[in-house]
């Protein structure tokens, strides 16, 4: 959308979406709108024309109309009442339990820095389904994890994207490049490790930070970007640049989504068409009681500490 705006000045109006940002502005003579997400706003653009030798634009103005305060249309609510009721019952079905009650996320930053057990669980399910050697996954922007009693709602609000799995062949060098890209998620502020503001503004992109299982690694955030991976091993052995591994990830990341260019064009060993959320549901139903190990295979440090 930005490139269209920059490169085709003849366009009068650019209506955008996908990023869930709230935008209502005029750049040069072009109006640009984006109405947030989850039906927060409606973008309104009014154009007044006048006829001279031909019809021409006289004025243009745009506004964001907030949906807050508008009651649902009772006719539509009545039409979908039964479907809504059945949907809520489906979402609240119990499929398993967490005896140790340790899969709830209370601190999203710590959950990413120290790899919360729920990340390990997702990776374990991906490894089980794919038989790959290494797995990576991320957490959505707003994730609270599982209650002690796990419901389908817990699963779908924890893994919110309709992703499937792809297994690729990757070299040690490309794996290190991917880890360096992930290390960019962290920054330093007043001597403390924090989230890089680039992952918060203008759009939250915490889902573009992946955490891995099947390898052990350390990021030292005091080092320059591109040289932060100070340890990288598998089964106690340092990973060499020309070694090859099977890596399972979601289909979005496998295409290079999130600027992970090192994944583009990698040989695909396997594709699994079932949604990751469904794989999680099936695994939890099968296991019933969910106990997740804590391998502590990721370290994010500052000046080696």
C-alpha atoms as a PDB file:
ATOM      1  CA  UNK A   1       0.000   0.000   0.000  1.00  0.00           C
ATOM      2  CA  UNK A   2       2.816   2.420   0.858  1.00  0.00           C
ATOM      3  CA  UNK A   3       4.562   1.716  -2.441  1.00  0.00           C
ATOM      4  CA  UNK A   4       1.338   2.302  -4.357  1.00  0.00           C
ATOM      5  CA  UNK A   5       0.954   5.609  -2.543  1.00  0.00           C
ATOM      6  CA  UNK A   6       4.531   6.655  -3.273  1.00  0.00           C
ATOM      7  CA  UNK A   7       4.845   5.454  -6.856  1.00  0.00           C
ATOM      8  CA  UNK A   8       1.404   6.239  -8.322  1.00  0.00           C
ATOM      9  CA  UNK A   9       0.579   9.839  -7.369  1.00  0.00           C
ATOM     10  CA  UNK A  10      -2.460   9.856  -9.664  1.00  0.00           C
ATOM     11  CA  UNK A  11      -4.384   7.683  -7.187  1.00  0.00           C
ATOM     12  CA  UNK A  12      -6.822   9.751  -5.123  1.00  0.00           C
ATOM     13  CA  UNK A  13      -7.810   7.258  -2.406  1.00  0.00           C
ATOM     14  CA  UNK A  14      -5.994   4.291  -0.855  1.00  0.00           C
ATOM     15  CA  UNK A  15      -8.142   2.063   1.393  1.00  0.00           C
ATOM     16  CA  UNK A  16      -5.896  -0.275   3.392  1.00  0.00           C
ATOM     17  CA  UNK A  17      -6.278  -3.091   5.904  1.00  0.00           C
ATOM     18  CA  UNK A  18      -4.480  -6.170   7.244  1.00  0.00           C
ATOM     19  CA  UNK A  19      -2.200  -4.352   9.703  1.00  0.00           C
ATOM     20  CA  UNK A  20      -5.105  -3.356  12.005  1.00  0.00           C
ATOM     21  CA  UNK A  21      -3.765   0.184  12.346  1.00  0.00           C
ATOM     22  CA  UNK A  22      -5.973   3.261  12.666  1.00  0.00           C
ATOM     23  CA  UNK A  23      -5.009   5.593   9.823  1.00  0.00           C
ATOM     24  CA  UNK A  24      -6.896   8.566   8.456  1.00  0.00           C
ATOM     25  CA  UNK A  25      -4.661  11.063   6.736  1.00  0.00           C
ATOM     26  CA  UNK A  26      -3.861  12.858   3.533  1.00  0.00           C
ATOM     27  CA  UNK A  27      -0.457  12.537   1.900  1.00  0.00           C
ATOM     28  CA  UNK A  28       0.077  15.052  -0.860  1.00  0.00           C
ATOM     29  CA  UNK A  29      -3.368  14.890  -2.490  1.00  0.00           C
ATOM     30  CA  UNK A  30      -4.104  11.213  -1.688  1.00  0.00           C
ATOM     31  CA  UNK A  31      -6.394  10.140   1.164  1.00  0.00           C
ATOM     32  CA  UNK A  32      -5.295   7.028   3.088  1.00  0.00           C
ATOM     33  CA  UNK A  33      -7.474   5.118   5.560  1.00  0.00           C
ATOM     34  CA  UNK A  34      -7.190   1.959   7.654  1.00  0.00           C
ATOM     35  CA  UNK A  35      -9.988   1.213  10.156  1.00  0.00           C
ATOM     36  CA  UNK A  36      -8.166  -0.732  12.870  1.00  0.00           C
ATOM     37  CA  UNK A  37      -9.303  -4.278  13.595  1.00  0.00           C
ATOM     38  CA  UNK A  38     -12.200  -6.255  15.087  1.00  0.00           C
ATOM     39  CA  UNK A  39     -14.759  -3.774  13.714  1.00  0.00           C
ATOM     40  CA  UNK A  40     -13.423  -0.922  15.868  1.00  0.00           C
ATOM     41  CA  UNK A  41     -14.039   1.691  13.197  1.00  0.00           C
ATOM     42  CA  UNK A  42     -15.527   2.240   9.775  1.00  0.00           C
ATOM     43  CA  UNK A  43     -13.481   4.295   7.364  1.00  0.00           C
ATOM     44  CA  UNK A  44     -15.579   6.935   5.619  1.00  0.00           C
ATOM     45  CA  UNK A  45     -14.408   8.831   2.538  1.00  0.00           C
ATOM     46  CA  UNK A  46     -16.598  11.500   0.934  1.00  0.00           C
ATOM     47  CA  UNK A  47     -15.840  12.759  -2.555  1.00  0.00           C
ATOM     48  CA  UNK A  48     -17.596  15.718  -4.164  1.00  0.00           C
ATOM     49  CA  UNK A  49     -17.432  16.023  -7.940  1.00  0.00           C
ATOM     50  CA  UNK A  50     -18.110  18.956 -10.220  1.00  0.00           C
ATOM     51  CA  UNK A  51     -18.698  18.984 -13.939  1.00  0.00           C
ATOM     52  CA  UNK A  52     -16.741  21.324 -16.152  1.00  0.00           C
ATOM     53  CA  UNK A  53     -15.672  19.962 -19.494  1.00  0.00           C
ATOM     54  CA  UNK A  54     -15.642  16.631 -17.688  1.00  0.00           C
ATOM     55  CA  UNK A  55     -16.324  15.366 -14.180  1.00  0.00           C
ATOM     56  CA  UNK A  56     -13.553  16.378 -11.789  1.00  0.00           C
ATOM     57  CA  UNK A  57     -12.936  15.924  -8.066  1.00  0.00           C
ATOM     58  CA  UNK A  58     -13.854  19.096  -6.207  1.00  0.00           C
ATOM     59  CA  UNK A  59     -13.298  18.043  -2.581  1.00  0.00           C
ATOM     60  CA  UNK A  60     -12.348  14.932  -0.651  1.00  0.00           C
ATOM     61  CA  UNK A  61     -12.507  14.298   3.079  1.00  0.00           C
ATOM     62  CA  UNK A  62     -12.136  11.255   5.290  1.00  0.00           C
ATOM     63  CA  UNK A  63     -13.122  10.247   8.808  1.00  0.00           C
ATOM     64  CA  UNK A  64     -12.946   7.278  11.159  1.00  0.00           C
ATOM     65  CA  UNK A  65     -16.375   6.385  12.544  1.00  0.00           C
ATOM     66  CA  UNK A  66     -16.133   4.594  15.888  1.00  0.00           C
ATOM     67  CA  UNK A  67     -18.369   1.558  16.350  1.00  0.00           C
ATOM     68  CA  UNK A  68     -18.316   2.021  20.126  1.00  0.00           C
ATOM     69  CA  UNK A  69     -21.731   2.675  21.603  1.00  0.00           C
ATOM     70  CA  UNK A  70     -23.688   1.124  18.740  1.00  0.00           C
ATOM     71  CA  UNK A  71     -25.961  -1.692  19.883  1.00  0.00           C
ATOM     72  CA  UNK A  72     -26.139  -4.845  17.733  1.00  0.00           C
ATOM     73  CA  UNK A  73     -29.046  -4.978  15.323  1.00  0.00           C
ATOM     74  CA  UNK A  74     -31.646  -7.033  17.247  1.00  0.00           C
ATOM     75  CA  UNK A  75     -32.916  -8.654  14.040  1.00  0.00           C
ATOM     76  CA  UNK A  76     -29.470 -10.049  13.250  1.00  0.00           C
ATOM     77  CA  UNK A  77     -28.872 -11.025  16.875  1.00  0.00           C
ATOM     78  CA  UNK A  78     -32.096 -13.033  16.818  1.00  0.00           C
ATOM     79  CA  UNK A  79     -31.188 -14.733  13.545  1.00  0.00           C
ATOM     80  CA  UNK A  80     -27.842 -15.987  14.853  1.00  0.00           C
ATOM     81  CA  UNK A  81     -28.798 -16.588  18.500  1.00  0.00           C
ATOM     82  CA  UNK A  82     -28.819 -20.391  18.210  1.00  0.00           C
ATOM     83  CA  UNK A  83     -25.548 -20.478  16.282  1.00  0.00           C
ATOM     84  CA  UNK A  84     -23.936 -18.148  18.823  1.00  0.00           C
ATOM     85  CA  UNK A  85     -25.136 -20.283  21.732  1.00  0.00           C
ATOM     86  CA  UNK A  86     -23.836 -23.510  20.184  1.00  0.00           C
ATOM     87  CA  UNK A  87     -20.528 -21.848  19.334  1.00  0.00           C
ATOM     88  CA  UNK A  88     -19.994 -20.746  22.933  1.00  0.00           C
ATOM     89  CA  UNK A  89     -20.806 -24.253  24.185  1.00  0.00           C
ATOM     90  CA  UNK A  90     -18.299 -25.710  21.713  1.00  0.00           C
ATOM     91  CA  UNK A  91     -15.574 -23.272  22.788  1.00  0.00           C
ATOM     92  CA  UNK A  92     -16.116 -24.069  26.464  1.00  0.00           C
ATOM     93  CA  UNK A  93     -15.771 -27.834  26.084  1.00  0.00           C
ATOM     94  CA  UNK A  94     -13.127 -29.279  28.401  1.00  0.00           C
ATOM     95  CA  UNK A  95     -10.488 -31.312  26.559  1.00  0.00           C
ATOM     96  CA  UNK A  96      -7.757 -31.726  29.182  1.00  0.00           C
ATOM     97  CA  UNK A  97      -6.252 -30.574  32.445  1.00  0.00           C
ATOM     98  CA  UNK A  98      -2.951 -29.066  33.587  1.00  0.00           C
ATOM     99  CA  UNK A  99      -2.222 -30.740  36.952  1.00  0.00           C
ATOM    100  CA  UNK A 100       0.603 -28.307  37.766  1.00  0.00           C
ATOM    101  CA  UNK A 101      -1.364 -25.263  36.552  1.00  0.00           C
ATOM    102  CA  UNK A 102       1.778 -23.858  34.910  1.00  0.00           C
ATOM    103  CA  UNK A 103       0.582 -23.028  31.391  1.00  0.00           C
ATOM    104  CA  UNK A 104      -0.961 -19.643  32.146  1.00  0.00           C
ATOM    105  CA  UNK A 105       0.950 -16.587  30.906  1.00  0.00           C
ATOM    106  CA  UNK A 106       1.054 -13.644  33.303  1.00  0.00           C
ATOM    107  CA  UNK A 107       4.137 -11.852  31.920  1.00  0.00           C
ATOM    108  CA  UNK A 108       4.324 -11.861  28.094  1.00  0.00           C
ATOM    109  CA  UNK A 109       7.878 -10.469  28.019  1.00  0.00           C
ATOM    110  CA  UNK A 110       9.207 -13.147  30.361  1.00  0.00           C
ATOM    111  CA  UNK A 111       7.246 -15.770  28.415  1.00  0.00           C
ATOM    112  CA  UNK A 112       9.282 -14.856  25.342  1.00  0.00           C
ATOM    113  CA  UNK A 113      12.632 -14.169  26.983  1.00  0.00           C
ATOM    114  CA  UNK A 114      12.641 -17.423  28.963  1.00  0.00           C
ATOM    115  CA  UNK A 115      10.480 -19.527  26.622  1.00  0.00           C
ATOM    116  CA  UNK A 116       7.318 -20.305  28.529  1.00  0.00           C
ATOM    117  CA  UNK A 117       6.282 -23.936  28.804  1.00  0.00           C
ATOM    118  CA  UNK A 118       3.347 -23.302  26.493  1.00  0.00           C
ATOM    119  CA  UNK A 119       5.859 -22.524  23.721  1.00  0.00           C
ATOM    120  CA  UNK A 120       7.615 -25.793  24.480  1.00  0.00           C
ATOM    121  CA  UNK A 121       4.247 -27.581  24.275  1.00  0.00           C
ATOM    122  CA  UNK A 122       3.507 -26.160  20.820  1.00  0.00           C
ATOM    123  CA  UNK A 123       6.976 -27.131  19.618  1.00  0.00           C
ATOM    124  CA  UNK A 124       6.602 -30.644  21.038  1.00  0.00           C
ATOM    125  CA  UNK A 125       3.297 -31.095  19.204  1.00  0.00           C
ATOM    126  CA  UNK A 126       4.869 -29.813  15.980  1.00  0.00           C
ATOM    127  CA  UNK A 127       7.847 -32.171  16.372  1.00  0.00           C
ATOM    128  CA  UNK A 128       5.522 -35.093  17.068  1.00  0.00           C
ATOM    129  CA  UNK A 129       3.365 -34.380  14.022  1.00  0.00           C
ATOM    130  CA  UNK A 130       6.288 -33.772  11.666  1.00  0.00           C
ATOM    131  CA  UNK A 131       9.105 -35.986  12.972  1.00  0.00           C
ATOM    132  CA  UNK A 132      11.454 -33.067  12.300  1.00  0.00           C
ATOM    133  CA  UNK A 133      14.662 -32.524  14.280  1.00  0.00           C
ATOM    134  CA  UNK A 134      14.006 -28.890  15.197  1.00  0.00           C
ATOM    135  CA  UNK A 135      10.834 -26.843  15.690  1.00  0.00           C
ATOM    136  CA  UNK A 136      10.110 -23.152  16.049  1.00  0.00           C
ATOM    137  CA  UNK A 137       6.977 -21.251  16.969  1.00  0.00           C
ATOM    138  CA  UNK A 138       5.902 -17.880  18.301  1.00  0.00           C
ATOM    139  CA  UNK A 139       3.269 -16.426  20.602  1.00  0.00           C
ATOM    140  CA  UNK A 140       0.546 -14.128  19.305  1.00  0.00           C
ATOM    141  CA  UNK A 141       0.476 -10.513  20.408  1.00  0.00           C
ATOM    142  CA  UNK A 142      -2.088 -11.077  23.171  1.00  0.00           C
ATOM    143  CA  UNK A 143      -1.856 -14.558  24.633  1.00  0.00           C
ATOM    144  CA  UNK A 144      -2.845 -15.677  28.126  1.00  0.00           C
ATOM    145  CA  UNK A 145      -2.209 -19.412  27.789  1.00  0.00           C
ATOM    146  CA  UNK A 146      -4.191 -22.278  29.307  1.00  0.00           C
ATOM    147  CA  UNK A 147      -6.245 -22.475  32.473  1.00  0.00           C
ATOM    148  CA  UNK A 148      -5.882 -25.496  34.746  1.00  0.00           C
ATOM    149  CA  UNK A 149      -8.885 -26.907  32.903  1.00  0.00           C
ATOM    150  CA  UNK A 150      -8.144 -26.630  29.188  1.00  0.00           C
ATOM    151  CA  UNK A 151     -10.987 -25.707  26.857  1.00  0.00           C
ATOM    152  CA  UNK A 152     -11.132 -25.351  23.102  1.00  0.00           C
ATOM    153  CA  UNK A 153     -11.433 -21.610  23.730  1.00  0.00           C
ATOM    154  CA  UNK A 154      -8.029 -21.718  25.468  1.00  0.00           C
ATOM    155  CA  UNK A 155      -6.468 -23.349  22.416  1.00  0.00           C
ATOM    156  CA  UNK A 156      -7.977 -20.983  19.854  1.00  0.00           C
ATOM    157  CA  UNK A 157      -7.105 -17.886  21.874  1.00  0.00           C
ATOM    158  CA  UNK A 158      -3.540 -19.118  22.362  1.00  0.00           C
ATOM    159  CA  UNK A 159      -2.862 -20.232  18.781  1.00  0.00           C
ATOM    160  CA  UNK A 160      -4.939 -17.672  16.944  1.00  0.00           C
ATOM    161  CA  UNK A 161      -3.760 -18.117  13.363  1.00  0.00           C
ATOM    162  CA  UNK A 162      -5.064 -20.732  10.893  1.00  0.00           C
ATOM    163  CA  UNK A 163      -1.528 -21.924  10.128  1.00  0.00           C
ATOM    164  CA  UNK A 164      -0.405 -25.332   8.924  1.00  0.00           C
ATOM    165  CA  UNK A 165       3.044 -26.915   9.174  1.00  0.00           C
ATOM    166  CA  UNK A 166       5.929 -27.086   6.729  1.00  0.00           C
ATOM    167  CA  UNK A 167       9.149 -29.063   7.215  1.00  0.00           C
ATOM    168  CA  UNK A 168      12.185 -27.643   5.432  1.00  0.00           C
ATOM    169  CA  UNK A 169      15.805 -28.678   5.064  1.00  0.00           C
ATOM    170  CA  UNK A 170      18.059 -26.015   6.552  1.00  0.00           C
ATOM    171  CA  UNK A 171      21.812 -25.620   6.936  1.00  0.00           C
ATOM    172  CA  UNK A 172      23.543 -24.588  10.122  1.00  0.00           C
ATOM    173  CA  UNK A 173      24.422 -21.281   8.482  1.00  0.00           C
ATOM    174  CA  UNK A 174      20.804 -20.467   7.543  1.00  0.00           C
ATOM    175  CA  UNK A 175      19.669 -21.569  11.004  1.00  0.00           C
ATOM    176  CA  UNK A 176      22.133 -19.151  12.593  1.00  0.00           C
ATOM    177  CA  UNK A 177      20.857 -16.365  10.297  1.00  0.00           C
ATOM    178  CA  UNK A 178      17.286 -17.090  11.421  1.00  0.00           C
ATOM    179  CA  UNK A 179      18.330 -16.947  15.064  1.00  0.00           C
ATOM    180  CA  UNK A 180      20.123 -13.645  14.481  1.00  0.00           C
ATOM    181  CA  UNK A 181      16.905 -12.302  12.989  1.00  0.00           C
ATOM    182  CA  UNK A 182      15.016 -13.421  16.102  1.00  0.00           C
ATOM    183  CA  UNK A 183      17.636 -11.842  18.367  1.00  0.00           C
ATOM    184  CA  UNK A 184      16.617  -8.463  16.910  1.00  0.00           C
ATOM    185  CA  UNK A 185      13.455  -8.754  19.034  1.00  0.00           C
ATOM    186  CA  UNK A 186      15.453  -7.585  22.044  1.00  0.00           C
ATOM    187  CA  UNK A 187      17.024  -4.206  22.771  1.00  0.00           C
ATOM    188  CA  UNK A 188      18.728  -2.462  25.692  1.00  0.00           C
ATOM    189  CA  UNK A 189      17.183   0.385  27.680  1.00  0.00           C
ATOM    190  CA  UNK A 190      18.938   1.812  30.745  1.00  0.00           C
ATOM    191  CA  UNK A 191      21.051  -1.292  31.056  1.00  0.00           C
ATOM    192  CA  UNK A 192      18.102  -3.709  30.889  1.00  0.00           C
ATOM    193  CA  UNK A 193      16.904  -6.088  28.208  1.00  0.00           C
ATOM    194  CA  UNK A 194      13.601  -4.902  26.726  1.00  0.00           C
ATOM    195  CA  UNK A 195      11.528  -5.474  23.599  1.00  0.00           C
ATOM    196  CA  UNK A 196      12.850  -3.686  20.538  1.00  0.00           C
ATOM    197  CA  UNK A 197      10.339  -0.830  19.935  1.00  0.00           C
ATOM    198  CA  UNK A 198      10.220  -1.864  16.282  1.00  0.00           C
ATOM    199  CA  UNK A 199       8.143  -4.873  17.347  1.00  0.00           C
ATOM    200  CA  UNK A 200       5.649  -2.612  19.146  1.00  0.00           C
ATOM    201  CA  UNK A 201       5.210   0.395  16.833  1.00  0.00           C
ATOM    202  CA  UNK A 202       3.599   1.289  14.551  1.00  0.00           C
ATOM    203  CA  UNK A 203       2.063  -2.190  14.736  1.00  0.00           C
ATOM    204  CA  UNK A 204       2.599  -4.867  17.416  1.00  0.00           C
ATOM    205  CA  UNK A 205       4.506  -7.753  15.820  1.00  0.00           C
ATOM    206  CA  UNK A 206       5.478  -9.939  18.767  1.00  0.00           C
ATOM    207  CA  UNK A 207       4.409 -12.939  16.678  1.00  0.00           C
ATOM    208  CA  UNK A 208       7.518 -12.390  14.560  1.00  0.00           C
ATOM    209  CA  UNK A 209       9.758 -13.598  17.382  1.00  0.00           C
ATOM    210  CA  UNK A 210      10.210 -17.368  17.204  1.00  0.00           C
ATOM    211  CA  UNK A 211      11.483 -19.721  19.894  1.00  0.00           C
ATOM    212  CA  UNK A 212      13.094 -23.055  19.068  1.00  0.00           C
ATOM    213  CA  UNK A 213      13.224 -26.552  20.508  1.00  0.00           C
ATOM    214  CA  UNK A 214      15.670 -29.224  19.408  1.00  0.00           C
ATOM    215  CA  UNK A 215      18.650 -26.876  19.753  1.00  0.00           C
ATOM    216  CA  UNK A 216      20.336 -24.907  22.536  1.00  0.00           C
ATOM    217  CA  UNK A 217      21.353 -21.303  21.964  1.00  0.00           C
ATOM    218  CA  UNK A 218      22.300 -18.054  23.650  1.00  0.00           C
ATOM    219  CA  UNK A 219      21.689 -14.457  22.564  1.00  0.00           C
ATOM    220  CA  UNK A 220      23.962 -11.777  24.019  1.00  0.00           C
ATOM    221  CA  UNK A 221      22.044  -8.542  23.481  1.00  0.00           C
ATOM    222  CA  UNK A 222      25.131  -6.443  24.258  1.00  0.00           C
ATOM    223  CA  UNK A 223      26.553  -7.583  20.908  1.00  0.00           C
ATOM    224  CA  UNK A 224      25.779  -5.835  17.593  1.00  0.00           C
ATOM    225  CA  UNK A 225      22.759  -6.959  15.603  1.00  0.00           C
ATOM    226  CA  UNK A 226      23.862  -9.805  13.372  1.00  0.00           C
ATOM    227  CA  UNK A 227      26.424 -11.089  15.901  1.00  0.00           C
ATOM    228  CA  UNK A 228      24.262 -11.869  18.909  1.00  0.00           C
ATOM    229  CA  UNK A 229      24.160 -15.671  18.647  1.00  0.00           C
ATOM    230  CA  UNK A 230      27.112 -16.546  20.871  1.00  0.00           C
ATOM    231  CA  UNK A 231      26.256 -20.223  21.428  1.00  0.00           C
ATOM    232  CA  UNK A 232      24.465 -22.675  19.152  1.00  0.00           C
ATOM    233  CA  UNK A 233      24.446 -26.423  19.660  1.00  0.00           C
ATOM    234  CA  UNK A 234      22.393 -29.579  19.297  1.00  0.00           C
ATOM    235  CA  UNK A 235      22.743 -32.587  21.597  1.00  0.00           C
ATOM    236  CA  UNK A 236      25.832 -31.016  23.147  1.00  0.00           C
ATOM    237  CA  UNK A 237      27.651 -30.497  19.840  1.00  0.00           C
ATOM    238  CA  UNK A 238      28.285 -27.109  18.235  1.00  0.00           C
ATOM    239  CA  UNK A 239      26.306 -26.665  15.021  1.00  0.00           C
ATOM    240  CA  UNK A 240      28.517 -26.180  11.971  1.00  0.00           C
ATOM    241  CA  UNK A 241      27.573 -23.977   8.985  1.00  0.00           C
ATOM    242  CA  UNK A 242      27.371 -26.846   6.483  1.00  0.00           C
ATOM    243  CA  UNK A 243      25.364 -29.242   8.647  1.00  0.00           C
ATOM    244  CA  UNK A 244      21.812 -29.961   7.506  1.00  0.00           C
ATOM    245  CA  UNK A 245      18.709 -30.354   9.640  1.00  0.00           C
ATOM    246  CA  UNK A 246      14.950 -30.734   9.262  1.00  0.00           C
ATOM    247  CA  UNK A 247      13.080 -27.757  10.718  1.00  0.00           C
ATOM    248  CA  UNK A 248       9.306 -27.547  11.188  1.00  0.00           C
ATOM    249  CA  UNK A 249       7.559 -24.189  11.277  1.00  0.00           C
ATOM    250  CA  UNK A 250       4.243 -22.664  10.288  1.00  0.00           C
ATOM    251  CA  UNK A 251       3.484 -22.045   6.633  1.00  0.00           C
ATOM    252  CA  UNK A 252       3.579 -18.254   7.050  1.00  0.00           C
ATOM    253  CA  UNK A 253       7.132 -18.328   8.325  1.00  0.00           C
ATOM    254  CA  UNK A 254       8.210 -20.924   5.746  1.00  0.00           C
ATOM    255  CA  UNK A 255       7.448 -18.439   2.958  1.00  0.00           C
ATOM    256  CA  UNK A 256       9.707 -15.867   4.616  1.00  0.00           C
ATOM    257  CA  UNK A 257       6.894 -14.030   6.407  1.00  0.00           C
ATOM    258  CA  UNK A 258       8.173 -11.523   8.942  1.00  0.00           C
ATOM    259  CA  UNK A 259      11.235 -10.773   6.763  1.00  0.00           C
ATOM    260  CA  UNK A 260      12.810 -14.168   7.393  1.00  0.00           C
ATOM    261  CA  UNK A 261      14.348 -14.162   3.926  1.00  0.00           C
ATOM    262  CA  UNK A 262      16.680 -17.059   4.781  1.00  0.00           C
ATOM    263  CA  UNK A 263      13.686 -19.446   4.711  1.00  0.00           C
ATOM    264  CA  UNK A 264      12.576 -18.543   1.203  1.00  0.00           C
ATOM    265  CA  UNK A 265      13.331 -21.244  -1.321  1.00  0.00           C
ATOM    266  CA  UNK A 266      14.505 -23.854   1.186  1.00  0.00           C
ATOM    267  CA  UNK A 267      13.813 -27.458   0.106  1.00  0.00           C
ATOM    268  CA  UNK A 268      10.425 -28.569   1.444  1.00  0.00           C
ATOM    269  CA  UNK A 269      10.551 -32.049   2.959  1.00  0.00           C
ATOM    270  CA  UNK A 270       6.953 -32.304   4.111  1.00  0.00           C
ATOM    271  CA  UNK A 271       3.713 -30.324   4.381  1.00  0.00           C
ATOM    272  CA  UNK A 272       1.048 -31.064   6.986  1.00  0.00           C
ATOM    273  CA  UNK A 273      -2.375 -29.738   6.046  1.00  0.00           C
ATOM    274  CA  UNK A 274      -4.035 -29.902   9.482  1.00  0.00           C
ATOM    275  CA  UNK A 275      -4.227 -26.587  11.347  1.00  0.00           C
ATOM    276  CA  UNK A 276      -1.786 -26.282  14.238  1.00  0.00           C
ATOM    277  CA  UNK A 277      -4.656 -25.462  16.612  1.00  0.00           C
ATOM    278  CA  UNK A 278      -6.350 -28.728  15.628  1.00  0.00           C
ATOM    279  CA  UNK A 279      -3.110 -30.645  16.201  1.00  0.00           C
ATOM    280  CA  UNK A 280      -2.962 -29.143  19.693  1.00  0.00           C
ATOM    281  CA  UNK A 281      -6.595 -30.037  20.405  1.00  0.00           C
ATOM    282  CA  UNK A 282      -6.060 -33.633  19.270  1.00  0.00           C
ATOM    283  CA  UNK A 283      -2.873 -33.978  21.331  1.00  0.00           C
ATOM    284  CA  UNK A 284      -4.483 -32.639  24.508  1.00  0.00           C
ATOM    285  CA  UNK A 285      -7.559 -34.844  24.064  1.00  0.00           C
ATOM    286  CA  UNK A 286      -5.282 -37.846  23.672  1.00  0.00           C
ATOM    287  CA  UNK A 287      -3.000 -37.064  26.618  1.00  0.00           C
ATOM    288  CA  UNK A 288      -5.751 -35.683  28.901  1.00  0.00           C
ATOM    289  CA  UNK A 289      -3.250 -34.577  31.562  1.00  0.00           C
ATOM    290  CA  UNK A 290      -0.685 -32.118  30.226  1.00  0.00           C
ATOM    291  CA  UNK A 291       2.715 -31.940  31.858  1.00  0.00           C
ATOM    292  CA  UNK A 292       5.337 -30.028  29.898  1.00  0.00           C
ATOM    293  CA  UNK A 293       9.106 -30.245  30.461  1.00  0.00           C
ATOM    294  CA  UNK A 294      11.192 -27.103  30.868  1.00  0.00           C
ATOM    295  CA  UNK A 295      14.393 -27.726  28.876  1.00  0.00           C
ATOM    296  CA  UNK A 296      15.742 -24.187  29.429  1.00  0.00           C
ATOM    297  CA  UNK A 297      17.463 -24.381  26.058  1.00  0.00           C
ATOM    298  CA  UNK A 298      17.315 -20.629  25.372  1.00  0.00           C
ATOM    299  CA  UNK A 299      19.363 -17.978  27.157  1.00  0.00           C
ATOM    300  CA  UNK A 300      18.976 -14.250  26.506  1.00  0.00           C
ATOM    301  CA  UNK A 301      21.761 -12.430  28.336  1.00  0.00           C
ATOM    302  CA  UNK A 302      23.475  -9.064  28.572  1.00  0.00           C
ATOM    303  CA  UNK A 303      27.278  -8.950  28.631  1.00  0.00           C
ATOM    304  CA  UNK A 304      27.344 -12.687  29.150  1.00  0.00           C
ATOM    305  CA  UNK A 305      25.093 -12.629  32.239  1.00  0.00           C
END
